[in-house]
Amino acid sequence: MAIAVLATGALHAMLYPELRSLPAALLGDSAWAYLVVVAVLLGVLIIGDPGRIDRGTRWLRVLTVAMITVISMDTAVVSIRLVSAILHSRSFTEDANILLVSGSAIWLTNVIAFALWYWVMDRGGPVGRARGPMVKPAFVFPEMVNPELVEDGWYPRFVDYLHLSFSTATSLSPSDVSGIKAWAKLAMMSEESISLVLAVLVVARAVNILK
């Protein structure tokens, strides 16, 4: 999870300057300012729970949700800016390299953002899953259907939710993991819709430029 969060900062630095959402007046002109913000939030979380994220304190969960919200809001803003730039034929969208790099960075950040939400919301979050199945799952993983293939006490880790998010974004349809709660289905639909819009607009624009 920590690596994924830091990756969003690196991906943010890859964006064309006009797309970055955090104002220079707040964080300066550095492309890495956003990474500093998420790294600080992540650092506080690690200090508060240096083990396997199984401390159920309220402030840790609030800070975790706040960190994911920052990542999601930033992704939403830069996505809107990119779509608007393409629709209005901004000058930098005439460069296929800029368009493809920025579009890919936004798409990957969106995958990570949804993976983080799935991870923090399913079955009471990482703390609930680490302590035992106290909440009914929102997702059914293949390992749950085939318990004989995994170790006793298996529960989904972040990498499982990252795979779920990546599969949802690429296939635009249910993968080997099924969403069984309403919020899970709506979240997957939202991720599929965002991925579809980004892919269609960015690829179509890039192909048009390269003709």
Protein backbone atom coordinates (compact mmCIF):
# COMPACT_ATOMS: atom_id res chain seq x y z
CA MET A 1 0.00 0.00 0.00
CA ALA A 2 2.79 2.41 0.93
CA ILE A 3 4.56 1.84 -2.40
CA ALA A 4 1.31 2.45 -4.28
CA VAL A 5 0.70 5.72 -2.43
CA LEU A 6 4.22 6.95 -3.20
CA ALA A 7 3.73 5.88 -6.82
CA THR A 8 0.84 8.34 -7.13
CA GLY A 9 3.28 11.11 -6.25
CA ALA A 10 5.73 9.98 -8.91
CA LEU A 11 2.92 9.72 -11.48
CA HIS A 12 1.73 13.21 -10.57
CA ALA A 13 5.20 14.54 -11.35
CA MET A 14 4.93 13.05 -14.86
CA LEU A 15 1.90 15.22 -15.68
CA TYR A 16 2.14 18.21 -17.94
CA PRO A 17 2.42 21.30 -15.64
CA GLU A 18 -0.94 22.74 -16.70
CA LEU A 19 -2.68 19.57 -15.54
CA ARG A 20 -1.32 19.43 -12.00
CA SER A 21 -4.08 20.34 -9.59
CA LEU A 22 -2.29 21.60 -6.48
CA PRO A 23 -1.64 25.35 -6.86
CA ALA A 24 1.93 26.60 -7.00
CA ALA A 25 1.03 29.28 -4.46
CA LEU A 26 0.38 26.54 -1.90
CA LEU A 27 3.20 24.09 -2.60
CA GLY A 28 5.62 25.86 -4.88
CA ASP A 29 6.49 25.12 -8.49
CA SER A 30 8.17 21.77 -7.85
CA ALA A 31 6.72 18.79 -9.70
CA TRP A 32 7.41 16.75 -6.58
CA ALA A 33 5.39 18.89 -4.15
CA TYR A 34 2.40 16.53 -4.35
CA LEU A 35 4.67 13.59 -3.52
CA VAL A 36 5.82 15.42 -0.40
CA VAL A 37 2.20 15.85 0.74
CA VAL A 38 1.24 12.18 0.35
CA ALA A 39 4.60 11.05 1.78
CA VAL A 40 4.02 13.09 4.94
CA LEU A 41 0.52 11.67 5.39
CA LEU A 42 1.82 8.16 4.76
CA GLY A 43 4.70 8.70 7.18
CA VAL A 44 2.31 9.66 9.97
CA LEU A 45 0.26 6.51 9.29
CA ILE A 46 3.34 4.29 9.40
CA ILE A 47 4.52 5.86 12.65
CA GLY A 48 1.04 5.41 14.13
CA ASP A 49 0.88 1.76 13.09
CA PRO A 50 4.30 0.37 12.10
CA GLY A 51 3.12 -3.25 11.98
CA ARG A 52 0.61 -4.83 9.62
CA ILE A 53 -1.99 -2.06 9.96
CA ASP A 54 -4.08 -3.72 12.65
CA ARG A 55 -4.46 -0.93 15.18
CA GLY A 56 -8.09 0.15 15.28
CA THR A 57 -7.66 3.71 16.53
CA ARG A 58 -10.13 6.22 15.14
CA TRP A 59 -7.53 8.85 14.21
CA LEU A 60 -5.57 6.36 12.08
CA ARG A 61 -8.68 5.43 10.08
CA VAL A 62 -9.65 9.09 9.66
CA LEU A 63 -6.14 9.95 8.45
CA THR A 64 -6.13 6.96 6.09
CA VAL A 65 -9.44 8.04 4.56
CA ALA A 66 -8.17 11.63 4.36
CA MET A 67 -5.05 10.53 2.49
CA ILE A 68 -7.06 8.46 0.00
CA THR A 69 -9.49 11.37 -0.43
CA VAL A 70 -6.60 13.69 -1.31
CA ILE A 71 -5.39 11.21 -3.93
CA SER A 72 -8.90 10.72 -5.35
CA MET A 73 -9.73 14.43 -5.48
CA ASP A 74 -6.44 15.22 -7.18
CA THR A 75 -7.08 12.45 -9.72
CA ALA A 76 -10.58 13.77 -10.38
CA VAL A 77 -9.34 17.32 -10.93
CA VAL A 78 -6.51 16.37 -13.30
CA SER A 79 -8.85 14.02 -15.20
CA ILE A 80 -11.34 16.83 -15.74
CA ARG A 81 -8.53 19.15 -16.83
CA LEU A 82 -7.23 16.64 -19.33
CA VAL A 83 -10.67 15.95 -20.80
CA SER A 84 -11.37 19.69 -21.01
CA ALA A 85 -8.00 20.32 -22.66
CA ILE A 86 -8.66 17.66 -25.29
CA LEU A 87 -12.18 18.89 -26.02
CA HIS A 88 -10.95 22.49 -26.34
CA SER A 89 -7.83 21.52 -28.33
CA ARG A 90 -5.34 23.14 -25.95
CA SER A 91 -1.89 23.55 -27.44
CA PHE A 92 -0.19 20.81 -25.40
CA THR A 93 -2.75 18.25 -26.57
CA GLU A 94 -1.21 18.57 -30.05
CA ASP A 95 1.83 16.67 -28.75
CA ALA A 96 1.11 12.92 -28.74
CA ASN A 97 3.95 12.19 -26.31
CA ILE A 98 2.66 14.64 -23.69
CA LEU A 99 -0.88 13.38 -24.19
CA LEU A 100 -0.01 9.70 -23.84
CA VAL A 101 2.32 10.17 -20.86
CA SER A 102 -0.14 12.37 -18.97
CA GLY A 103 -3.10 10.16 -19.87
CA SER A 104 -1.28 7.03 -18.74
CA ALA A 105 -0.22 8.66 -15.47
CA ILE A 106 -3.79 9.72 -14.72
CA TRP A 107 -5.15 6.29 -15.64
CA LEU A 108 -2.67 4.48 -13.39
CA THR A 109 -3.31 6.89 -10.52
CA ASN A 110 -7.02 6.25 -10.90
CA VAL A 111 -6.39 2.50 -10.66
CA ILE A 112 -4.41 3.01 -7.44
CA ALA A 113 -7.03 5.37 -5.99
CA PHE A 114 -9.85 2.86 -6.47
CA ALA A 115 -7.66 0.04 -5.14
CA LEU A 116 -7.12 2.09 -1.99
CA TRP A 117 -10.86 2.65 -1.58
CA TYR A 118 -11.62 -1.05 -2.06
CA TRP A 119 -8.86 -1.87 0.44
CA VAL A 120 -10.06 0.56 3.12
CA MET A 121 -13.81 -0.13 2.76
CA ASP A 122 -14.09 -3.89 2.34
CA ARG A 123 -14.85 -5.97 5.48
CA GLY A 124 -14.12 -3.17 7.91
CA GLY A 125 -10.85 -2.18 6.27
CA PRO A 126 -7.38 -3.65 6.85
CA VAL A 127 -7.86 -3.65 10.62
CA GLY A 128 -11.12 -5.60 10.41
CA ARG A 129 -9.65 -8.14 8.02
CA ALA A 130 -6.51 -8.62 10.12
CA ARG A 131 -8.55 -9.23 13.29
CA GLY A 132 -11.00 -11.64 11.71
CA PRO A 133 -14.17 -11.68 9.59
CA MET A 134 -16.47 -9.46 11.66
CA VAL A 135 -18.11 -7.73 8.68
CA LYS A 136 -19.64 -9.37 5.62
CA PRO A 137 -17.47 -8.91 2.51
CA ALA A 138 -18.24 -6.51 -0.30
CA PHE A 139 -16.15 -8.56 -2.73
CA VAL A 140 -15.90 -12.31 -3.25
CA PHE A 141 -12.39 -13.36 -4.25
CA PRO A 142 -11.58 -16.74 -5.87
CA GLU A 143 -9.65 -17.68 -2.72
CA MET A 144 -12.88 -17.46 -0.71
CA VAL A 145 -14.61 -19.89 -3.07
CA ASN A 146 -11.62 -22.24 -3.13
CA PRO A 147 -10.25 -22.14 0.45
CA GLU A 148 -8.40 -25.42 -0.06
CA LEU A 149 -5.98 -23.63 -2.41
CA VAL A 150 -4.78 -21.05 0.14
CA GLU A 151 -3.47 -21.07 3.68
CA ASP A 152 -5.83 -21.12 6.65
CA GLY A 153 -6.99 -17.68 7.71
CA TRP A 154 -6.45 -16.13 4.27
CA TYR A 155 -7.86 -12.66 3.74
CA PRO A 156 -7.32 -10.17 0.91
CA ARG A 157 -4.29 -7.88 1.12
CA PHE A 158 -3.71 -4.67 -0.77
CA VAL A 159 -2.24 -6.45 -3.78
CA ASP A 160 -5.54 -8.32 -4.19
CA TYR A 161 -7.46 -5.05 -4.33
CA LEU A 162 -4.88 -3.57 -6.70
CA HIS A 163 -5.39 -6.52 -9.04
CA LEU A 164 -9.16 -6.08 -8.74
CA SER A 165 -8.88 -2.39 -9.62
CA PHE A 166 -6.50 -3.00 -12.53
CA SER A 167 -8.71 -5.76 -13.95
CA THR A 168 -11.81 -3.58 -13.63
CA ALA A 169 -10.10 -0.68 -15.40
CA THR A 170 -8.70 -2.76 -18.25
CA SER A 171 -11.51 -5.21 -18.95
CA LEU A 172 -14.35 -2.74 -18.26
CA SER A 173 -16.33 -5.70 -16.95
CA PRO A 174 -16.43 -7.94 -13.87
CA SER A 175 -13.20 -9.89 -13.39
CA ASP A 176 -12.64 -13.02 -11.30
CA VAL A 177 -13.68 -10.95 -8.26
CA SER A 178 -17.39 -10.26 -7.81
CA GLY A 179 -18.82 -7.16 -6.15
CA ILE A 180 -21.78 -8.22 -4.03
CA LYS A 181 -22.61 -5.03 -2.12
CA ALA A 182 -24.24 -2.03 -3.76
CA TRP A 183 -21.38 0.37 -3.00
CA ALA A 184 -18.87 -2.09 -4.47
CA LYS A 185 -20.85 -2.41 -7.70
CA LEU A 186 -21.26 1.36 -7.98
CA ALA A 187 -17.55 1.91 -7.33
CA MET A 188 -16.61 -0.59 -10.03
CA MET A 189 -19.04 1.07 -12.46
CA SER A 190 -17.49 4.46 -11.70
CA GLU A 191 -13.97 3.16 -12.27
CA GLU A 192 -15.00 1.50 -15.55
CA SER A 193 -16.64 4.73 -16.74
CA ILE A 194 -13.61 6.88 -15.93
CA SER A 195 -11.24 4.42 -17.59
CA LEU A 196 -13.42 4.26 -20.70
CA VAL A 197 -13.61 8.04 -21.07
CA LEU A 198 -9.86 8.50 -20.55
CA ALA A 199 -8.95 5.69 -22.93
CA VAL A 200 -11.30 6.77 -25.70
CA LEU A 201 -10.40 10.47 -25.61
CA VAL A 202 -6.64 10.10 -25.12
CA VAL A 203 -6.15 7.30 -27.63
CA ALA A 204 -8.45 8.89 -30.21
CA ARG A 205 -6.67 12.23 -29.90
CA ALA A 206 -3.22 10.63 -30.06
CA VAL A 207 -4.14 8.59 -33.15
CA ASN A 208 -5.51 11.71 -34.81
CA ILE A 209 -2.24 13.56 -34.15
CA LEU A 210 -0.06 10.72 -35.43
CA LYS A 211 -1.95 10.33 -38.71
